[in-house]
Amino acid sequence: MDKYRVVVWCESCRGDDEGCFGGSSEVIGAQFATWEEAEKAGAHYCFDLPYRYRVEQAELHQSYF
């Protein structure tokens, strides 16, 4: 079963080490069971903030040691 995650970033601070998320991006919350749940979390988190977000499949981005 697929799991999803929400990645957020600030367009204004992209590449600025002193900016939001250290100039990069950040994963919010935990993994979500459905794309719809992840989309809702991203929209809620970014509602009043100048952030952008995208929903990704979480399994595609896990590290294996």
C-alpha atoms as a PDB file:
ATOM      1  CA  MET A   1       0.000   0.000   0.000  1.00  0.00           C
ATOM      2  CA  ASP A   2       1.380   3.405  -0.971  1.00  0.00           C
ATOM      3  CA  LYS A   3       2.174   6.030   1.647  1.00  0.00           C
ATOM      4  CA  TYR A   4       2.514   9.736   0.941  1.00  0.00           C
ATOM      5  CA  ARG A   5       4.458  12.651   2.372  1.00  0.00           C
ATOM      6  CA  VAL A   6       4.224  16.432   2.046  1.00  0.00           C
ATOM      7  CA  VAL A   7       7.306  18.463   1.115  1.00  0.00           C
ATOM      8  CA  VAL A   8       7.149  22.232   1.764  1.00  0.00           C
ATOM      9  CA  TRP A   9       9.446  25.089   0.762  1.00  0.00           C
ATOM     10  CA  CYS A  10       9.490  28.884   0.551  1.00  0.00           C
ATOM     11  CA  GLU A  11      10.054  30.329  -2.934  1.00  0.00           C
ATOM     12  CA  SER A  12      11.333  33.607  -1.456  1.00  0.00           C
ATOM     13  CA  CYS A  13      14.079  31.904   0.570  1.00  0.00           C
ATOM     14  CA  ARG A  14      15.129  29.198  -1.889  1.00  0.00           C
ATOM     15  CA  GLY A  15      18.918  28.826  -1.702  1.00  0.00           C
ATOM     16  CA  ASP A  16      19.304  31.187   1.299  1.00  0.00           C
ATOM     17  CA  ASP A  17      20.932  29.302   4.184  1.00  0.00           C
ATOM     18  CA  GLU A  18      19.433  31.837   6.622  1.00  0.00           C
ATOM     19  CA  GLY A  19      15.928  31.550   5.138  1.00  0.00           C
ATOM     20  CA  CYS A  20      12.953  29.311   5.781  1.00  0.00           C
ATOM     21  CA  PHE A  21      13.895  25.624   6.039  1.00  0.00           C
ATOM     22  CA  GLY A  22      17.560  26.604   5.650  1.00  0.00           C
ATOM     23  CA  GLY A  23      16.935  27.601   2.044  1.00  0.00           C
ATOM     24  CA  SER A  24      15.823  24.116   1.124  1.00  0.00           C
ATOM     25  CA  SER A  25      12.692  22.083   1.819  1.00  0.00           C
ATOM     26  CA  GLU A  26      11.221  20.113   4.692  1.00  0.00           C
ATOM     27  CA  VAL A  27       8.885  17.143   5.099  1.00  0.00           C
ATOM     28  CA  ILE A  28       5.936  17.918   7.362  1.00  0.00           C
ATOM     29  CA  GLY A  29       4.126  15.515   9.630  1.00  0.00           C
ATOM     30  CA  ALA A  30       4.236  11.789   9.268  1.00  0.00           C
ATOM     31  CA  GLN A  31       3.411   9.621   6.310  1.00  0.00           C
ATOM     32  CA  PHE A  32      -0.175   9.741   5.125  1.00  0.00           C
ATOM     33  CA  ALA A  33      -2.233   6.734   4.054  1.00  0.00           C
ATOM     34  CA  THR A  34      -3.857   8.464   1.078  1.00  0.00           C
ATOM     35  CA  TRP A  35      -2.918  11.166  -1.395  1.00  0.00           C
ATOM     36  CA  GLU A  36      -6.046  13.082  -0.334  1.00  0.00           C
ATOM     37  CA  GLU A  37      -4.979  13.151   3.334  1.00  0.00           C
ATOM     38  CA  ALA A  38      -1.523  14.408   2.359  1.00  0.00           C
ATOM     39  CA  GLU A  39      -2.994  17.062   0.049  1.00  0.00           C
ATOM     40  CA  LYS A  40      -5.303  18.268   2.821  1.00  0.00           C
ATOM     41  CA  ALA A  41      -2.389  18.473   5.295  1.00  0.00           C
ATOM     42  CA  GLY A  42      -0.262  20.441   2.815  1.00  0.00           C
ATOM     43  CA  ALA A  43      -3.055  22.889   2.055  1.00  0.00           C
ATOM     44  CA  HIS A  44      -3.761  23.367   5.772  1.00  0.00           C
ATOM     45  CA  TYR A  45      -0.081  23.857   6.683  1.00  0.00           C
ATOM     46  CA  CYS A  46       0.566  26.379   3.896  1.00  0.00           C
ATOM     47  CA  PHE A  47      -2.784  28.205   4.093  1.00  0.00           C
ATOM     48  CA  ASP A  48      -1.602  31.497   5.639  1.00  0.00           C
ATOM     49  CA  LEU A  49       2.091  31.116   4.847  1.00  0.00           C
ATOM     50  CA  PRO A  50       4.125  31.973   1.741  1.00  0.00           C
ATOM     51  CA  TYR A  51       5.059  28.308   1.311  1.00  0.00           C
ATOM     52  CA  ARG A  52       4.481  25.931  -1.558  1.00  0.00           C
ATOM     53  CA  TYR A  53       4.097  22.176  -1.222  1.00  0.00           C
ATOM     54  CA  ARG A  54       3.964  18.957  -3.170  1.00  0.00           C
ATOM     55  CA  VAL A  55       2.755  15.468  -2.335  1.00  0.00           C
ATOM     56  CA  GLU A  56       5.123  12.576  -3.058  1.00  0.00           C
ATOM     57  CA  GLN A  57       5.061   8.833  -2.591  1.00  0.00           C
ATOM     58  CA  ALA A  58       7.013   8.254   0.612  1.00  0.00           C
ATOM     59  CA  GLU A  59       8.460   4.858  -0.359  1.00  0.00           C
ATOM     60  CA  LEU A  60      10.315   6.378  -3.302  1.00  0.00           C
ATOM     61  CA  HIS A  61      12.340   8.575  -0.960  1.00  0.00           C
ATOM     62  CA  GLN A  62      13.290   6.273   1.902  1.00  0.00           C
ATOM     63  CA  SER A  63      16.940   5.553   2.559  1.00  0.00           C
ATOM     64  CA  TYR A  64      18.071   1.997   3.069  1.00  0.00           C
ATOM     65  CA  PHE A  65      21.199   1.264   5.107  1.00  0.00           C
END
